[in-house]
């Protein structure tokens, strides 16, 4: 298993696989996202043009992409996520935003999640950022689609040094059914000083 940063032609070649991976992981609880390949490829292509953008994949020895993680300056991207930070008095130019970290279930529990965080934090530190942050969707404990064996990632994020800020939230829309309407979802912020 190896991590590989992607950009340029390598990223373009990997877009279909990355789009399928993101849809497969995000369709599960807690996101319940009903995405499309076209939207995901366009999103990643635009994401790659943001200032200090970072996209890294986890790949098997056979070259199969089983996970990926993203990050970028929040000043050039994600206006929906930047505005709540401005209102909370967070300095945007010194804040590095982690977009997503997705990993197929069978590859979880082998340290790849830590490697994704390590790689993005190192990238942000090299570029002089003071903190990193990300958003996570909030779902009630009694959500009807919550699996009985679901375990939130809060403990993992806390061990990584991230602190949840329930006083800062964003609303982001996505469909939960193919062909269905985009629904609002509350996202809470997590921060870590670099």
N, C-alpha and C. Protein backbone atom coordinates (compact mmCIF):
# COMPACT_ATOMS: atom_id res chain seq x y z
N UNK A 1 0.86 -1.19 0.00
CA UNK A 1 0.00 0.00 0.00
C UNK A 1 0.89 1.24 0.00
N UNK A 2 0.58 2.19 -0.86
CA UNK A 2 1.38 3.41 -0.92
C UNK A 2 0.47 4.62 -1.09
N UNK A 3 0.98 5.78 -0.65
CA UNK A 3 0.29 7.04 -0.86
C UNK A 3 0.93 7.75 -2.04
N UNK A 4 0.10 8.39 -2.87
CA UNK A 4 0.62 9.08 -4.04
C UNK A 4 -0.10 10.40 -4.23
N UNK A 5 0.61 11.53 -4.13
CA UNK A 5 -0.02 12.82 -4.44
C UNK A 5 -0.32 12.88 -5.94
N UNK A 6 -1.44 13.51 -6.29
CA UNK A 6 -1.85 13.60 -7.69
C UNK A 6 -2.00 15.05 -8.12
N UNK A 7 -1.58 15.32 -9.35
CA UNK A 7 -1.80 16.62 -9.97
C UNK A 7 -1.65 16.44 -11.47
N UNK A 8 -2.03 17.45 -12.22
CA UNK A 8 -1.85 17.43 -13.67
C UNK A 8 -2.48 16.24 -14.35
N UNK A 9 -1.73 15.63 -15.28
CA UNK A 9 -2.25 14.51 -16.06
C UNK A 9 -2.56 13.30 -15.19
N UNK A 10 -1.76 13.08 -14.14
CA UNK A 10 -2.02 11.94 -13.26
C UNK A 10 -3.38 12.08 -12.58
N UNK A 11 -3.71 13.29 -12.15
CA UNK A 11 -5.01 13.53 -11.54
C UNK A 11 -6.12 13.34 -12.57
N UNK A 12 -5.94 13.91 -13.74
CA UNK A 12 -6.97 13.79 -14.78
C UNK A 12 -7.24 12.32 -15.10
N UNK A 13 -6.18 11.52 -15.21
CA UNK A 13 -6.34 10.09 -15.51
C UNK A 13 -7.07 9.35 -14.39
N UNK A 14 -6.90 9.82 -13.14
CA UNK A 14 -7.49 9.13 -11.98
C UNK A 14 -8.90 9.60 -11.66
N UNK A 15 -9.38 10.66 -12.32
CA UNK A 15 -10.67 11.24 -11.95
C UNK A 15 -11.84 10.24 -11.96
N UNK A 16 -11.99 9.40 -12.98
CA UNK A 16 -13.12 8.46 -12.94
C UNK A 16 -13.06 7.53 -11.73
N UNK A 17 -11.89 7.01 -11.40
CA UNK A 17 -11.75 6.11 -10.25
C UNK A 17 -12.01 6.86 -8.95
N UNK A 18 -11.51 8.10 -8.84
CA UNK A 18 -11.73 8.89 -7.63
C UNK A 18 -13.21 9.23 -7.46
N UNK A 19 -13.88 9.55 -8.56
CA UNK A 19 -15.30 9.87 -8.49
C UNK A 19 -16.10 8.66 -8.01
N UNK A 20 -15.81 7.48 -8.56
CA UNK A 20 -16.51 6.26 -8.12
C UNK A 20 -16.24 5.97 -6.65
N UNK A 21 -15.00 6.14 -6.23
CA UNK A 21 -14.63 5.90 -4.83
C UNK A 21 -15.41 6.83 -3.90
N UNK A 22 -15.44 8.12 -4.21
CA UNK A 22 -16.13 9.09 -3.37
C UNK A 22 -17.62 8.76 -3.26
N UNK A 23 -18.24 8.42 -4.37
CA UNK A 23 -19.66 8.07 -4.35
C UNK A 23 -19.89 6.83 -3.50
N UNK A 24 -19.05 5.82 -3.67
CA UNK A 24 -19.21 4.57 -2.92
C UNK A 24 -19.09 4.79 -1.42
N UNK A 25 -18.12 5.59 -0.99
CA UNK A 25 -17.92 5.82 0.44
C UNK A 25 -18.99 6.75 1.00
N UNK A 26 -19.32 7.81 0.28
CA UNK A 26 -20.26 8.80 0.81
C UNK A 26 -21.73 8.37 0.74
N UNK A 27 -22.04 7.30 -0.01
CA UNK A 27 -23.43 6.86 -0.03
C UNK A 27 -23.82 6.18 1.29
N UNK A 28 -22.83 5.78 2.07
CA UNK A 28 -23.09 5.14 3.36
C UNK A 28 -23.37 6.21 4.43
N UNK A 29 -23.95 5.77 5.54
CA UNK A 29 -24.15 6.64 6.69
C UNK A 29 -22.78 7.09 7.22
N UNK A 30 -22.59 8.36 7.62
CA UNK A 30 -23.62 9.35 7.89
C UNK A 30 -23.96 10.29 6.73
N UNK A 31 -23.24 10.19 5.60
CA UNK A 31 -23.48 11.16 4.54
C UNK A 31 -24.72 10.85 3.71
N UNK A 32 -24.92 9.58 3.37
CA UNK A 32 -26.10 9.18 2.60
C UNK A 32 -26.21 10.00 1.31
N UNK A 33 -25.10 10.13 0.62
CA UNK A 33 -24.97 11.00 -0.55
C UNK A 33 -25.27 10.23 -1.83
N UNK A 34 -26.17 10.74 -2.64
CA UNK A 34 -26.51 10.14 -3.93
C UNK A 34 -25.89 11.00 -5.03
N UNK A 35 -24.61 10.82 -5.27
CA UNK A 35 -23.88 11.65 -6.22
C UNK A 35 -23.83 11.07 -7.62
N UNK A 36 -23.23 11.85 -8.52
CA UNK A 36 -23.04 11.39 -9.90
C UNK A 36 -21.56 11.47 -10.26
N UNK A 37 -21.15 10.62 -11.18
CA UNK A 37 -19.76 10.60 -11.63
C UNK A 37 -19.36 11.95 -12.22
N UNK A 38 -20.22 12.53 -13.05
CA UNK A 38 -19.90 13.81 -13.69
C UNK A 38 -19.68 14.91 -12.65
N UNK A 39 -20.59 14.99 -11.67
CA UNK A 39 -20.44 16.03 -10.65
C UNK A 39 -19.13 15.84 -9.88
N UNK A 40 -18.84 14.61 -9.51
CA UNK A 40 -17.64 14.34 -8.71
C UNK A 40 -16.37 14.66 -9.49
N UNK A 41 -16.33 14.31 -10.76
CA UNK A 41 -15.15 14.63 -11.56
C UNK A 41 -14.97 16.13 -11.71
N UNK A 42 -16.06 16.85 -11.95
CA UNK A 42 -15.97 18.32 -12.06
C UNK A 42 -15.51 18.92 -10.73
N UNK A 43 -16.06 18.41 -9.62
CA UNK A 43 -15.68 18.92 -8.30
C UNK A 43 -14.18 18.75 -8.07
N UNK A 44 -13.67 17.56 -8.33
CA UNK A 44 -12.24 17.30 -8.09
C UNK A 44 -11.36 18.12 -9.04
N UNK A 45 -11.80 18.27 -10.28
CA UNK A 45 -11.02 19.06 -11.24
C UNK A 45 -10.93 20.52 -10.77
N UNK A 46 -12.06 21.07 -10.29
CA UNK A 46 -12.05 22.45 -9.79
C UNK A 46 -11.25 22.55 -8.49
N UNK A 47 -11.42 21.55 -7.63
CA UNK A 47 -10.70 21.55 -6.36
C UNK A 47 -9.19 21.63 -6.61
N UNK A 48 -8.71 20.92 -7.62
CA UNK A 48 -7.27 20.85 -7.88
C UNK A 48 -6.68 22.19 -8.28
N UNK A 49 -7.53 23.16 -8.65
CA UNK A 49 -7.03 24.48 -9.05
C UNK A 49 -6.98 25.47 -7.89
N UNK A 50 -7.50 25.09 -6.72
CA UNK A 50 -7.49 25.99 -5.56
C UNK A 50 -6.05 26.20 -5.09
N UNK A 51 -5.82 27.32 -4.42
CA UNK A 51 -4.48 27.61 -3.90
C UNK A 51 -4.04 26.52 -2.91
N UNK A 52 -2.81 26.06 -3.07
CA UNK A 52 -2.21 25.04 -2.20
C UNK A 52 -3.00 23.74 -2.16
N UNK A 53 -3.73 23.44 -3.26
CA UNK A 53 -4.51 22.21 -3.30
C UNK A 53 -3.63 20.99 -3.16
N UNK A 54 -4.16 19.98 -2.46
CA UNK A 54 -3.44 18.74 -2.20
C UNK A 54 -4.42 17.58 -2.31
N UNK A 55 -4.12 16.66 -3.21
CA UNK A 55 -4.92 15.45 -3.37
C UNK A 55 -3.97 14.27 -3.32
N UNK A 56 -4.23 13.35 -2.39
CA UNK A 56 -3.37 12.19 -2.23
C UNK A 56 -4.24 10.94 -2.27
N UNK A 57 -3.73 9.87 -2.89
CA UNK A 57 -4.46 8.62 -2.96
C UNK A 57 -3.72 7.53 -2.19
N UNK A 58 -4.49 6.55 -1.74
CA UNK A 58 -3.93 5.30 -1.21
C UNK A 58 -4.17 4.24 -2.28
N UNK A 59 -3.09 3.57 -2.68
CA UNK A 59 -3.20 2.61 -3.77
C UNK A 59 -2.57 1.28 -3.39
N UNK A 60 -3.20 0.20 -3.87
CA UNK A 60 -2.63 -1.13 -3.65
C UNK A 60 -1.42 -1.32 -4.56
N UNK A 61 -0.69 -2.40 -4.36
CA UNK A 61 0.46 -2.69 -5.22
C UNK A 61 0.05 -2.87 -6.67
N UNK A 62 -1.20 -3.27 -6.88
CA UNK A 62 -1.71 -3.45 -8.24
C UNK A 62 -2.20 -2.13 -8.86
N UNK A 63 -2.13 -1.03 -8.09
CA UNK A 63 -2.51 0.28 -8.61
C UNK A 63 -3.97 0.63 -8.41
N UNK A 64 -4.72 -0.17 -7.64
CA UNK A 64 -6.12 0.14 -7.38
C UNK A 64 -6.20 1.25 -6.32
N UNK A 65 -6.97 2.30 -6.61
CA UNK A 65 -7.17 3.39 -5.66
C UNK A 65 -8.25 2.97 -4.67
N UNK A 66 -7.88 2.90 -3.39
CA UNK A 66 -8.82 2.46 -2.35
C UNK A 66 -9.16 3.59 -1.38
N UNK A 67 -8.51 4.74 -1.52
CA UNK A 67 -8.79 5.87 -0.65
C UNK A 67 -8.19 7.14 -1.21
N UNK A 68 -8.69 8.28 -0.75
CA UNK A 68 -8.08 9.55 -1.12
C UNK A 68 -8.42 10.59 -0.06
N UNK A 69 -7.60 11.63 -0.02
CA UNK A 69 -7.81 12.74 0.90
C UNK A 69 -7.44 14.03 0.18
N UNK A 70 -8.13 15.12 0.55
CA UNK A 70 -7.92 16.40 -0.12
C UNK A 70 -7.75 17.52 0.90
N UNK A 71 -7.16 18.60 0.44
CA UNK A 71 -7.02 19.80 1.25
C UNK A 71 -6.66 20.97 0.37
N UNK A 72 -6.94 22.19 0.84
CA UNK A 72 -6.59 23.40 0.09
C UNK A 72 -6.74 24.62 0.98
N UNK A 73 -6.27 25.74 0.46
CA UNK A 73 -6.55 27.01 1.12
C UNK A 73 -8.07 27.20 1.14
N UNK A 74 -8.58 27.70 2.23
CA UNK A 74 -10.03 27.92 2.29
C UNK A 74 -10.43 29.26 1.67
N UNK A 75 -9.44 30.12 1.40
CA UNK A 75 -9.74 31.42 0.82
C UNK A 75 -10.10 31.33 -0.65
N UNK A 76 -9.67 30.27 -1.34
CA UNK A 76 -9.91 30.15 -2.77
C UNK A 76 -11.01 29.17 -3.12
N UNK A 77 -11.58 28.53 -2.14
CA UNK A 77 -12.48 27.42 -2.42
C UNK A 77 -13.47 27.30 -1.28
N UNK A 78 -14.56 26.62 -1.52
CA UNK A 78 -15.51 26.32 -0.46
C UNK A 78 -16.08 27.58 0.20
N UNK A 79 -16.65 28.47 -0.58
CA UNK A 79 -17.20 29.69 0.01
C UNK A 79 -18.29 29.38 1.03
N UNK A 80 -19.02 28.27 0.83
CA UNK A 80 -20.07 27.89 1.78
C UNK A 80 -19.47 27.59 3.16
N UNK A 81 -18.25 27.06 3.14
CA UNK A 81 -17.60 26.70 4.39
C UNK A 81 -16.77 27.84 4.96
N UNK A 82 -16.38 28.80 4.13
CA UNK A 82 -15.55 29.91 4.60
C UNK A 82 -16.36 30.94 5.38
N UNK A 83 -17.56 31.22 4.96
CA UNK A 83 -18.35 32.29 5.57
C UNK A 83 -18.59 32.08 7.07
N UNK A 84 -18.96 30.88 7.53
CA UNK A 84 -19.14 30.70 8.98
C UNK A 84 -17.85 30.95 9.77
N UNK A 85 -16.71 30.68 9.15
CA UNK A 85 -15.43 30.93 9.83
C UNK A 85 -15.17 32.42 9.95
N UNK A 86 -15.49 33.16 8.90
CA UNK A 86 -15.35 34.62 8.94
C UNK A 86 -16.21 35.19 10.07
N UNK A 87 -17.46 34.72 10.14
CA UNK A 87 -18.37 35.20 11.17
C UNK A 87 -17.89 34.85 12.58
N UNK A 88 -17.15 33.75 12.70
CA UNK A 88 -16.63 33.33 14.01
C UNK A 88 -15.29 33.98 14.35
N UNK A 89 -14.76 34.80 13.42
CA UNK A 89 -13.50 35.50 13.67
C UNK A 89 -12.26 34.67 13.41
N UNK A 90 -12.38 33.57 12.65
CA UNK A 90 -11.23 32.73 12.31
C UNK A 90 -10.47 33.38 11.16
N UNK A 91 -9.16 33.47 11.27
CA UNK A 91 -8.33 34.05 10.22
C UNK A 91 -8.21 33.06 9.06
N UNK A 92 -8.81 33.38 7.92
CA UNK A 92 -8.83 32.45 6.79
C UNK A 92 -7.47 32.23 6.14
N UNK A 93 -6.66 33.28 5.89
CA UNK A 93 -5.40 33.03 5.20
C UNK A 93 -4.45 32.07 5.94
N UNK A 94 -4.61 31.94 7.26
CA UNK A 94 -3.74 31.04 8.01
C UNK A 94 -4.41 29.69 8.31
N UNK A 95 -5.55 29.43 7.66
CA UNK A 95 -6.31 28.21 7.90
C UNK A 95 -6.32 27.32 6.66
N UNK A 96 -5.89 26.08 6.82
CA UNK A 96 -5.89 25.10 5.73
C UNK A 96 -7.10 24.21 5.89
N UNK A 97 -7.87 24.05 4.82
CA UNK A 97 -9.12 23.31 4.88
C UNK A 97 -8.94 21.89 4.35
N UNK A 98 -9.31 20.90 5.16
CA UNK A 98 -9.32 19.51 4.71
C UNK A 98 -10.68 19.24 4.08
N UNK A 99 -10.67 18.91 2.80
CA UNK A 99 -11.92 18.62 2.12
C UNK A 99 -12.50 17.29 2.55
N UNK A 100 -11.99 16.21 2.03
CA UNK A 100 -12.52 14.88 2.33
C UNK A 100 -11.39 13.91 2.62
N UNK A 101 -11.75 12.87 3.31
CA UNK A 101 -10.88 11.72 3.53
C UNK A 101 -11.77 10.50 3.38
N UNK A 102 -11.60 9.76 2.30
CA UNK A 102 -12.46 8.60 2.03
C UNK A 102 -11.60 7.35 1.86
N UNK A 103 -12.11 6.25 2.39
CA UNK A 103 -11.37 4.99 2.37
C UNK A 103 -12.38 3.85 2.33
N UNK A 104 -12.16 2.89 1.43
CA UNK A 104 -13.05 1.75 1.36
C UNK A 104 -13.05 0.99 2.69
N UNK A 105 -14.21 0.48 3.11
CA UNK A 105 -14.32 -0.14 4.44
C UNK A 105 -13.30 -1.23 4.72
N UNK A 106 -12.99 -2.04 3.72
CA UNK A 106 -12.07 -3.16 3.95
C UNK A 106 -10.63 -2.72 4.19
N UNK A 107 -10.32 -1.45 3.95
CA UNK A 107 -8.97 -0.94 4.17
C UNK A 107 -8.87 -0.08 5.42
N UNK A 108 -9.95 0.03 6.16
CA UNK A 108 -9.93 0.82 7.39
C UNK A 108 -9.29 0.02 8.52
N UNK A 109 -8.73 0.74 9.49
CA UNK A 109 -8.11 0.07 10.63
C UNK A 109 -6.68 -0.37 10.39
N UNK A 110 -6.06 0.11 9.30
CA UNK A 110 -4.68 -0.26 8.98
C UNK A 110 -3.74 0.94 8.99
N UNK A 111 -4.19 2.06 9.56
CA UNK A 111 -3.33 3.23 9.69
C UNK A 111 -3.39 4.21 8.54
N UNK A 112 -4.18 3.94 7.51
CA UNK A 112 -4.22 4.84 6.36
C UNK A 112 -4.88 6.18 6.69
N UNK A 113 -5.87 6.16 7.58
CA UNK A 113 -6.48 7.42 8.00
C UNK A 113 -5.46 8.34 8.63
N UNK A 114 -4.60 7.79 9.49
CA UNK A 114 -3.53 8.59 10.09
C UNK A 114 -2.57 9.11 9.02
N UNK A 115 -2.24 8.27 8.05
CA UNK A 115 -1.32 8.70 6.99
C UNK A 115 -1.92 9.84 6.18
N UNK A 116 -3.24 9.79 5.93
CA UNK A 116 -3.89 10.88 5.22
C UNK A 116 -3.77 12.18 6.01
N UNK A 117 -4.03 12.13 7.31
CA UNK A 117 -3.91 13.34 8.13
C UNK A 117 -2.47 13.81 8.18
N UNK A 118 -1.52 12.89 8.36
CA UNK A 118 -0.10 13.27 8.40
C UNK A 118 0.30 13.99 7.12
N UNK A 119 -0.09 13.44 5.97
CA UNK A 119 0.31 14.02 4.68
C UNK A 119 -0.28 15.41 4.49
N UNK A 120 -1.54 15.59 4.86
CA UNK A 120 -2.17 16.91 4.67
C UNK A 120 -1.62 17.93 5.66
N UNK A 121 -1.40 17.51 6.90
CA UNK A 121 -0.84 18.43 7.88
C UNK A 121 0.58 18.85 7.49
N UNK A 122 1.37 17.90 7.02
CA UNK A 122 2.73 18.24 6.57
C UNK A 122 2.69 19.22 5.41
N UNK A 123 1.80 18.99 4.46
CA UNK A 123 1.63 19.89 3.31
C UNK A 123 1.27 21.30 3.80
N UNK A 124 0.34 21.38 4.76
CA UNK A 124 -0.10 22.69 5.27
C UNK A 124 1.02 23.38 6.03
N UNK A 125 1.77 22.65 6.85
CA UNK A 125 2.87 23.26 7.61
C UNK A 125 3.94 23.82 6.67
N UNK A 126 4.28 23.07 5.63
CA UNK A 126 5.30 23.53 4.68
C UNK A 126 4.89 24.83 4.00
N UNK A 127 3.61 25.08 3.92
CA UNK A 127 3.11 26.30 3.28
C UNK A 127 2.75 27.38 4.28
N UNK A 128 3.09 27.16 5.55
CA UNK A 128 2.99 28.21 6.55
C UNK A 128 1.64 28.39 7.22
N UNK A 129 0.76 27.43 7.11
CA UNK A 129 -0.55 27.56 7.75
C UNK A 129 -0.44 27.33 9.26
N UNK A 130 -1.26 28.05 10.01
CA UNK A 130 -1.23 27.97 11.47
C UNK A 130 -2.18 26.91 12.01
N UNK A 131 -3.21 26.57 11.25
CA UNK A 131 -4.20 25.60 11.73
C UNK A 131 -4.81 24.87 10.54
N UNK A 132 -5.37 23.73 10.84
CA UNK A 132 -6.16 22.99 9.85
C UNK A 132 -7.56 22.82 10.40
N UNK A 133 -8.52 22.67 9.50
CA UNK A 133 -9.90 22.45 9.92
C UNK A 133 -10.63 21.61 8.89
N UNK A 134 -11.71 21.02 9.31
CA UNK A 134 -12.59 20.32 8.39
C UNK A 134 -14.00 20.36 8.95
N UNK A 135 -14.96 19.95 8.13
CA UNK A 135 -16.36 19.87 8.54
C UNK A 135 -16.80 18.42 8.51
N UNK A 136 -17.71 18.07 9.41
CA UNK A 136 -18.30 16.73 9.42
C UNK A 136 -19.81 16.87 9.61
N UNK A 137 -20.55 16.04 8.88
CA UNK A 137 -22.01 16.11 8.96
C UNK A 137 -22.50 15.63 10.32
N UNK A 138 -23.54 16.29 10.80
CA UNK A 138 -24.14 15.92 12.09
C UNK A 138 -25.42 15.14 11.82
N UNK A 139 -25.53 13.99 12.44
CA UNK A 139 -26.73 13.17 12.35
C UNK A 139 -27.20 12.83 13.77
N UNK A 140 -28.51 12.82 14.01
CA UNK A 140 -29.00 12.46 15.34
C UNK A 140 -28.72 11.00 15.65
N UNK A 141 -28.55 10.68 16.93
CA UNK A 141 -28.26 9.30 17.35
C UNK A 141 -29.39 8.35 16.96
N UNK A 142 -30.60 8.88 16.83
CA UNK A 142 -31.74 8.02 16.49
C UNK A 142 -32.13 8.09 15.02
N UNK A 143 -31.18 8.51 14.16
CA UNK A 143 -31.48 8.59 12.73
C UNK A 143 -31.91 7.21 12.23
N UNK A 144 -33.00 7.13 11.45
CA UNK A 144 -33.53 5.83 11.03
C UNK A 144 -32.57 5.01 10.16
N UNK A 145 -31.60 5.65 9.50
CA UNK A 145 -30.67 4.91 8.65
C UNK A 145 -29.32 4.66 9.32
N UNK A 146 -29.22 4.98 10.59
CA UNK A 146 -27.96 4.76 11.31
C UNK A 146 -27.77 3.26 11.55
N UNK A 147 -26.69 2.66 11.05
CA UNK A 147 -26.46 1.23 11.27
C UNK A 147 -26.22 0.95 12.76
N UNK A 148 -26.61 -0.23 13.19
CA UNK A 148 -26.46 -0.60 14.60
C UNK A 148 -24.99 -0.60 15.03
N UNK A 149 -24.08 -0.91 14.09
CA UNK A 149 -22.66 -0.99 14.43
C UNK A 149 -21.89 0.29 14.07
N UNK A 150 -22.62 1.38 13.77
CA UNK A 150 -21.95 2.62 13.38
C UNK A 150 -21.18 3.21 14.55
N UNK A 151 -19.94 3.61 14.27
CA UNK A 151 -19.10 4.26 15.28
C UNK A 151 -18.60 5.59 14.72
N UNK A 152 -18.99 6.72 15.31
CA UNK A 152 -18.52 8.02 14.81
C UNK A 152 -17.00 8.12 14.91
N UNK A 153 -16.43 9.01 14.12
CA UNK A 153 -14.98 9.19 14.09
C UNK A 153 -14.48 10.21 15.11
N UNK A 154 -15.35 10.69 15.98
CA UNK A 154 -14.96 11.73 16.94
C UNK A 154 -13.73 11.33 17.76
N UNK A 155 -13.67 10.10 18.24
CA UNK A 155 -12.53 9.66 19.05
C UNK A 155 -11.24 9.70 18.25
N UNK A 156 -11.30 9.23 17.01
CA UNK A 156 -10.13 9.27 16.13
C UNK A 156 -9.66 10.71 15.94
N UNK A 157 -10.60 11.62 15.65
CA UNK A 157 -10.23 13.02 15.42
C UNK A 157 -9.68 13.65 16.69
N UNK A 158 -10.27 13.34 17.84
CA UNK A 158 -9.73 13.86 19.11
C UNK A 158 -8.30 13.39 19.34
N UNK A 159 -8.03 12.13 19.06
CA UNK A 159 -6.67 11.59 19.24
C UNK A 159 -5.68 12.26 18.30
N UNK A 160 -6.17 12.74 17.17
CA UNK A 160 -5.31 13.46 16.23
C UNK A 160 -5.08 14.90 16.68
N UNK A 161 -5.73 15.32 17.76
CA UNK A 161 -5.56 16.68 18.26
C UNK A 161 -6.60 17.66 17.76
N UNK A 162 -7.66 17.17 17.15
CA UNK A 162 -8.71 18.05 16.63
C UNK A 162 -9.79 18.26 17.68
N UNK A 163 -10.29 19.48 17.72
CA UNK A 163 -11.33 19.86 18.68
C UNK A 163 -12.57 20.30 17.92
N UNK A 164 -13.70 19.75 18.30
CA UNK A 164 -14.97 20.12 17.68
C UNK A 164 -15.43 21.47 18.20
N UNK A 165 -15.92 22.31 17.28
CA UNK A 165 -16.48 23.61 17.64
C UNK A 165 -17.96 23.60 17.30
N UNK A 166 -18.82 23.11 18.21
CA UNK A 166 -20.25 23.04 17.91
C UNK A 166 -20.89 24.42 17.75
N UNK A 167 -20.15 25.48 18.14
CA UNK A 167 -20.69 26.83 17.98
C UNK A 167 -20.51 27.35 16.56
N UNK A 168 -19.76 26.61 15.72
CA UNK A 168 -19.56 27.03 14.34
C UNK A 168 -20.09 25.92 13.44
N UNK A 169 -21.03 26.26 12.58
CA UNK A 169 -21.58 25.25 11.69
C UNK A 169 -21.87 25.86 10.32
N UNK A 170 -21.94 24.99 9.33
CA UNK A 170 -22.29 25.38 7.97
C UNK A 170 -23.43 24.49 7.51
N UNK A 171 -24.17 24.96 6.54
CA UNK A 171 -25.20 24.13 5.92
C UNK A 171 -24.80 23.88 4.48
N UNK A 172 -24.84 22.62 4.10
CA UNK A 172 -24.44 22.24 2.75
C UNK A 172 -25.49 21.28 2.22
N UNK A 173 -25.83 21.44 0.96
CA UNK A 173 -26.90 20.63 0.38
C UNK A 173 -26.36 19.54 -0.52
N UNK A 174 -27.00 18.35 -0.46
CA UNK A 174 -26.76 17.27 -1.41
C UNK A 174 -27.98 16.36 -1.43
N UNK A 175 -28.15 15.62 -2.52
CA UNK A 175 -29.29 14.70 -2.60
C UNK A 175 -29.00 13.41 -1.84
N UNK A 176 -30.03 12.85 -1.24
CA UNK A 176 -29.90 11.56 -0.57
C UNK A 176 -30.54 10.44 -1.38
N UNK A 177 -31.19 10.81 -2.48
CA UNK A 177 -31.76 9.83 -3.39
C UNK A 177 -31.43 10.26 -4.81
N UNK A 178 -31.10 9.30 -5.68
CA UNK A 178 -30.80 9.62 -7.07
C UNK A 178 -32.03 10.23 -7.73
N UNK A 179 -31.82 11.40 -8.29
CA UNK A 179 -32.92 12.13 -8.91
C UNK A 179 -33.75 12.93 -7.92
N UNK A 180 -33.41 12.82 -6.65
CA UNK A 180 -34.16 13.52 -5.62
C UNK A 180 -33.63 14.93 -5.41
N UNK A 181 -34.31 15.70 -4.57
CA UNK A 181 -33.89 17.09 -4.33
C UNK A 181 -32.64 17.15 -3.45
N UNK A 182 -31.91 18.24 -3.56
CA UNK A 182 -30.80 18.49 -2.64
C UNK A 182 -31.37 18.94 -1.31
N UNK A 183 -30.91 18.33 -0.23
CA UNK A 183 -31.42 18.61 1.10
C UNK A 183 -30.34 19.29 1.93
N UNK A 184 -30.73 20.20 2.84
CA UNK A 184 -29.73 20.86 3.68
C UNK A 184 -29.21 19.91 4.77
N UNK A 185 -27.91 20.00 5.03
CA UNK A 185 -27.27 19.20 6.07
C UNK A 185 -26.39 20.10 6.92
N UNK A 186 -26.46 19.94 8.22
CA UNK A 186 -25.63 20.73 9.13
C UNK A 186 -24.26 20.08 9.27
N UNK A 187 -23.22 20.89 9.11
CA UNK A 187 -21.83 20.43 9.22
C UNK A 187 -21.16 21.20 10.35
N UNK A 188 -20.52 20.49 11.27
CA UNK A 188 -19.78 21.14 12.36
C UNK A 188 -18.29 21.12 12.05
N UNK A 189 -17.60 22.13 12.57
CA UNK A 189 -16.17 22.31 12.30
C UNK A 189 -15.31 21.67 13.39
N UNK A 190 -14.16 21.17 12.95
CA UNK A 190 -13.13 20.65 13.83
C UNK A 190 -11.83 21.38 13.50
N UNK A 191 -11.04 21.74 14.53
CA UNK A 191 -9.82 22.52 14.35
C UNK A 191 -8.62 21.86 15.03
N UNK A 192 -7.46 22.13 14.46
CA UNK A 192 -6.21 21.65 15.03
C UNK A 192 -5.12 22.68 14.77
N UNK A 193 -4.40 23.09 15.82
CA UNK A 193 -3.28 24.02 15.64
C UNK A 193 -2.08 23.27 15.09
N UNK A 194 -1.52 23.81 14.03
CA UNK A 194 -0.37 23.18 13.39
C UNK A 194 0.94 23.68 13.97
